[in-house]
């Protein structure tokens, strides 16, 4: 089985030109403190 993640943006500049993905949810907090798996993100 292959996992596929979708990224949807209003402005693709960061993604297409600089290979950066930005999540703009201040309430989400510091992403570096969350384990790098889907379940951890869903729990957060």
PDB file of N, CA and C in Angstrom:
ATOM      1  N   UNK A   1       0.836  -1.174   0.000  1.00  0.00           N
ATOM      2  CA  UNK A   1       0.000   0.000   0.000  1.00  0.00           C
ATOM      3  C   UNK A   1       0.888   1.247   0.000  1.00  0.00           C
ATOM      4  N   UNK A   2       0.504   2.251  -0.773  1.00  0.00           N
ATOM      5  CA  UNK A   2       1.236   3.506  -0.855  1.00  0.00           C
ATOM      6  C   UNK A   2       0.437   4.614  -0.204  1.00  0.00           C
ATOM      7  N   UNK A   3       1.076   5.393   0.661  1.00  0.00           N
ATOM      8  CA  UNK A   3       0.435   6.550   1.278  1.00  0.00           C
ATOM      9  C   UNK A   3       0.635   7.769   0.403  1.00  0.00           C
ATOM     10  N   UNK A   4      -0.398   8.562   0.253  1.00  0.00           N
ATOM     11  CA  UNK A   4      -0.327   9.789  -0.517  1.00  0.00           C
ATOM     12  C   UNK A   4      -0.872  10.925   0.336  1.00  0.00           C
ATOM     13  N   UNK A   5      -0.118  12.024   0.425  1.00  0.00           N
ATOM     14  CA  UNK A   5      -0.548  13.195   1.166  1.00  0.00           C
ATOM     15  C   UNK A   5      -0.800  14.311   0.174  1.00  0.00           C
ATOM     16  N   UNK A   6      -1.850  15.078   0.373  1.00  0.00           N
ATOM     17  CA  UNK A   6      -2.153  16.206  -0.496  1.00  0.00           C
ATOM     18  C   UNK A   6      -1.832  17.518   0.193  1.00  0.00           C
ATOM     19  N   UNK A   7      -1.307  18.455  -0.569  1.00  0.00           N
ATOM     20  CA  UNK A   7      -1.008  19.784  -0.056  1.00  0.00           C
ATOM     21  C   UNK A   7      -1.768  20.777  -0.909  1.00  0.00           C
ATOM     22  N   UNK A   8      -2.581  21.606  -0.271  1.00  0.00           N
ATOM     23  CA  UNK A   8      -3.386  22.587  -0.980  1.00  0.00           C
ATOM     24  C   UNK A   8      -3.019  23.966  -0.454  1.00  0.00           C
ATOM     25  N   UNK A   9      -2.749  24.886  -1.356  1.00  0.00           N
ATOM     26  CA  UNK A   9      -2.342  26.222  -0.941  1.00  0.00           C
ATOM     27  C   UNK A   9      -3.081  27.291  -1.730  1.00  0.00           C
ATOM     28  N   UNK A  10      -3.090  28.480  -1.179  1.00  0.00           N
ATOM     29  CA  UNK A  10      -3.592  29.632  -1.925  1.00  0.00           C
ATOM     30  C   UNK A  10      -2.483  30.217  -2.789  1.00  0.00           C
ATOM     31  N   UNK A  11      -1.224  30.059  -2.338  1.00  0.00           N
ATOM     32  CA  UNK A  11      -0.067  30.598  -3.040  1.00  0.00           C
ATOM     33  C   UNK A  11       0.996  29.510  -3.085  1.00  0.00           C
ATOM     34  N   UNK A  12       1.274  29.000  -4.264  1.00  0.00           N
ATOM     35  CA  UNK A  12       2.217  27.889  -4.414  1.00  0.00           C
ATOM     36  C   UNK A  12       3.675  28.316  -4.455  1.00  0.00           C
ATOM     37  N   UNK A  13       3.971  29.607  -4.288  1.00  0.00           N
ATOM     38  CA  UNK A  13       5.340  30.086  -4.453  1.00  0.00           C
ATOM     39  C   UNK A  13       6.328  29.348  -3.552  1.00  0.00           C
ATOM     40  N   UNK A  14       6.065  29.289  -2.235  1.00  0.00           N
ATOM     41  CA  UNK A  14       7.007  28.631  -1.323  1.00  0.00           C
ATOM     42  C   UNK A  14       7.233  27.177  -1.703  1.00  0.00           C
ATOM     43  N   UNK A  15       6.174  26.493  -2.021  1.00  0.00           N
ATOM     44  CA  UNK A  15       6.266  25.073  -2.350  1.00  0.00           C
ATOM     45  C   UNK A  15       7.005  24.827  -3.658  1.00  0.00           C
ATOM     46  N   UNK A  16       6.645  25.570  -4.680  1.00  0.00           N
ATOM     47  CA  UNK A  16       7.205  25.320  -6.007  1.00  0.00           C
ATOM     48  C   UNK A  16       8.582  25.929  -6.215  1.00  0.00           C
ATOM     49  N   UNK A  17       8.853  27.062  -5.604  1.00  0.00           N
ATOM     50  CA  UNK A  17      10.119  27.766  -5.859  1.00  0.00           C
ATOM     51  C   UNK A  17      11.198  27.505  -4.824  1.00  0.00           C
ATOM     52  N   UNK A  18      10.815  27.180  -3.592  1.00  0.00           N
ATOM     53  CA  UNK A  18      11.823  27.027  -2.540  1.00  0.00           C
ATOM     54  C   UNK A  18      11.728  25.692  -1.810  1.00  0.00           C
ATOM     55  N   UNK A  19      10.847  24.801  -2.263  1.00  0.00           N
ATOM     56  CA  UNK A  19      10.675  23.483  -1.646  1.00  0.00           C
ATOM     57  C   UNK A  19      10.344  23.569  -0.155  1.00  0.00           C
ATOM     58  N   UNK A  20       9.494  24.537   0.205  1.00  0.00           N
ATOM     59  CA  UNK A  20       9.084  24.743   1.587  1.00  0.00           C
ATOM     60  C   UNK A  20       7.576  24.567   1.681  1.00  0.00           C
ATOM     61  N   UNK A  21       7.142  23.920   2.753  1.00  0.00           N
ATOM     62  CA  UNK A  21       5.719  23.809   3.035  1.00  0.00           C
ATOM     63  C   UNK A  21       5.483  24.503   4.371  1.00  0.00           C
ATOM     64  N   UNK A  22       4.543  25.426   4.412  1.00  0.00           N
ATOM     65  CA  UNK A  22       4.262  26.164   5.637  1.00  0.00           C
ATOM     66  C   UNK A  22       2.849  25.851   6.104  1.00  0.00           C
ATOM     67  N   UNK A  23       2.723  25.555   7.392  1.00  0.00           N
ATOM     68  CA  UNK A  23       1.419  25.347   8.001  1.00  0.00           C
ATOM     69  C   UNK A  23       1.164  26.550   8.888  1.00  0.00           C
ATOM     70  N   UNK A  24       0.136  27.306   8.608  1.00  0.00           N
ATOM     71  CA  UNK A  24      -0.101  28.555   9.300  1.00  0.00           C
ATOM     72  C   UNK A  24      -1.102  28.482  10.423  1.00  0.00           C
ATOM     73  N   UNK A  25      -1.001  27.518  11.279  1.00  0.00           N
ATOM     74  CA  UNK A  25      -1.895  27.419  12.428  1.00  0.00           C
ATOM     75  C   UNK A  25      -1.110  27.705  13.687  1.00  0.00           C
ATOM     76  N   UNK A  26      -1.177  28.924  14.179  1.00  0.00           N
ATOM     77  CA  UNK A  26      -0.424  29.290  15.390  1.00  0.00           C
ATOM     78  C   UNK A  26      -0.832  28.415  16.573  1.00  0.00           C
ATOM     79  N   UNK A  27      -2.114  28.089  16.627  1.00  0.00           N
ATOM     80  CA  UNK A  27      -2.614  27.286  17.745  1.00  0.00           C
ATOM     81  C   UNK A  27      -2.015  25.879  17.766  1.00  0.00           C
ATOM     82  N   UNK A  28      -1.510  25.423  16.640  1.00  0.00           N
ATOM     83  CA  UNK A  28      -0.958  24.071  16.551  1.00  0.00           C
ATOM     84  C   UNK A  28       0.328  23.949  17.354  1.00  0.00           C
ATOM     85  N   UNK A  29       1.043  25.046  17.484  1.00  0.00           N
ATOM     86  CA  UNK A  29       2.254  25.034  18.295  1.00  0.00           C
ATOM     87  C   UNK A  29       3.494  24.628  17.506  1.00  0.00           C
ATOM     88  N   UNK A  30       4.545  24.304  18.227  1.00  0.00           N
ATOM     89  CA  UNK A  30       5.849  23.966  17.665  1.00  0.00           C
ATOM     90  C   UNK A  30       5.829  22.558  17.081  1.00  0.00           C
ATOM     91  N   UNK A  31       5.898  22.460  15.756  1.00  0.00           N
ATOM     92  CA  UNK A  31       5.831  21.155  15.093  1.00  0.00           C
ATOM     93  C   UNK A  31       7.030  20.266  15.403  1.00  0.00           C
ATOM     94  N   UNK A  32       8.148  20.863  15.802  1.00  0.00           N
ATOM     95  CA  UNK A  32       9.328  20.056  16.102  1.00  0.00           C
ATOM     96  C   UNK A  32       9.152  19.228  17.373  1.00  0.00           C
ATOM     97  N   UNK A  33       8.121  19.543  18.157  1.00  0.00           N
ATOM     98  CA  UNK A  33       7.869  18.808  19.396  1.00  0.00           C
ATOM     99  C   UNK A  33       6.846  17.683  19.223  1.00  0.00           C
ATOM    100  N   UNK A  34       6.399  17.487  17.983  1.00  0.00           N
ATOM    101  CA  UNK A  34       5.419  16.447  17.684  1.00  0.00           C
ATOM    102  C   UNK A  34       6.113  15.319  16.928  1.00  0.00           C
ATOM    103  N   UNK A  35       5.831  14.073  17.284  1.00  0.00           N
ATOM    104  CA  UNK A  35       6.413  12.940  16.561  1.00  0.00           C
ATOM    105  C   UNK A  35       6.036  13.036  15.090  1.00  0.00           C
ATOM    106  N   UNK A  36       6.912  12.553  14.215  1.00  0.00           N
ATOM    107  CA  UNK A  36       6.702  12.693  12.773  1.00  0.00           C
ATOM    108  C   UNK A  36       5.885  11.548  12.185  1.00  0.00           C
ATOM    109  N   UNK A  37       4.663  11.418  12.697  1.00  0.00           N
ATOM    110  CA  UNK A  37       3.756  10.438  12.116  1.00  0.00           C
ATOM    111  C   UNK A  37       2.331  10.989  12.144  1.00  0.00           C
ATOM    112  N   UNK A  38       1.511  10.441  11.310  1.00  0.00           N
ATOM    113  CA  UNK A  38       0.148  10.953  11.138  1.00  0.00           C
ATOM    114  C   UNK A  38      -0.668  10.900  12.426  1.00  0.00           C
ATOM    115  N   UNK A  39      -0.538   9.819  13.174  1.00  0.00           N
ATOM    116  CA  UNK A  39      -1.320   9.683  14.401  1.00  0.00           C
ATOM    117  C   UNK A  39      -0.984  10.786  15.403  1.00  0.00           C
ATOM    118  N   UNK A  40       0.281  11.152  15.515  1.00  0.00           N
ATOM    119  CA  UNK A  40       0.685  12.217  16.436  1.00  0.00           C
ATOM    120  C   UNK A  40       0.087  13.547  16.017  1.00  0.00           C
ATOM    121  N   UNK A  41       0.070  13.826  14.714  1.00  0.00           N
ATOM    122  CA  UNK A  41      -0.514  15.065  14.215  1.00  0.00           C
ATOM    123  C   UNK A  41      -2.025  15.073  14.432  1.00  0.00           C
ATOM    124  N   UNK A  42      -2.669  13.942  14.195  1.00  0.00           N
ATOM    125  CA  UNK A  42      -4.113  13.868  14.396  1.00  0.00           C
ATOM    126  C   UNK A  42      -4.462  14.060  15.881  1.00  0.00           C
ATOM    127  N   UNK A  43      -3.648  13.487  16.760  1.00  0.00           N
ATOM    128  CA  UNK A  43      -3.891  13.610  18.193  1.00  0.00           C
ATOM    129  C   UNK A  43      -3.728  15.074  18.639  1.00  0.00           C
ATOM    130  N   UNK A  44      -2.711  15.734  18.097  1.00  0.00           N
ATOM    131  CA  UNK A  44      -2.460  17.130  18.440  1.00  0.00           C
ATOM    132  C   UNK A  44      -3.622  18.005  18.041  1.00  0.00           C
TER     133      UNK A  44
END
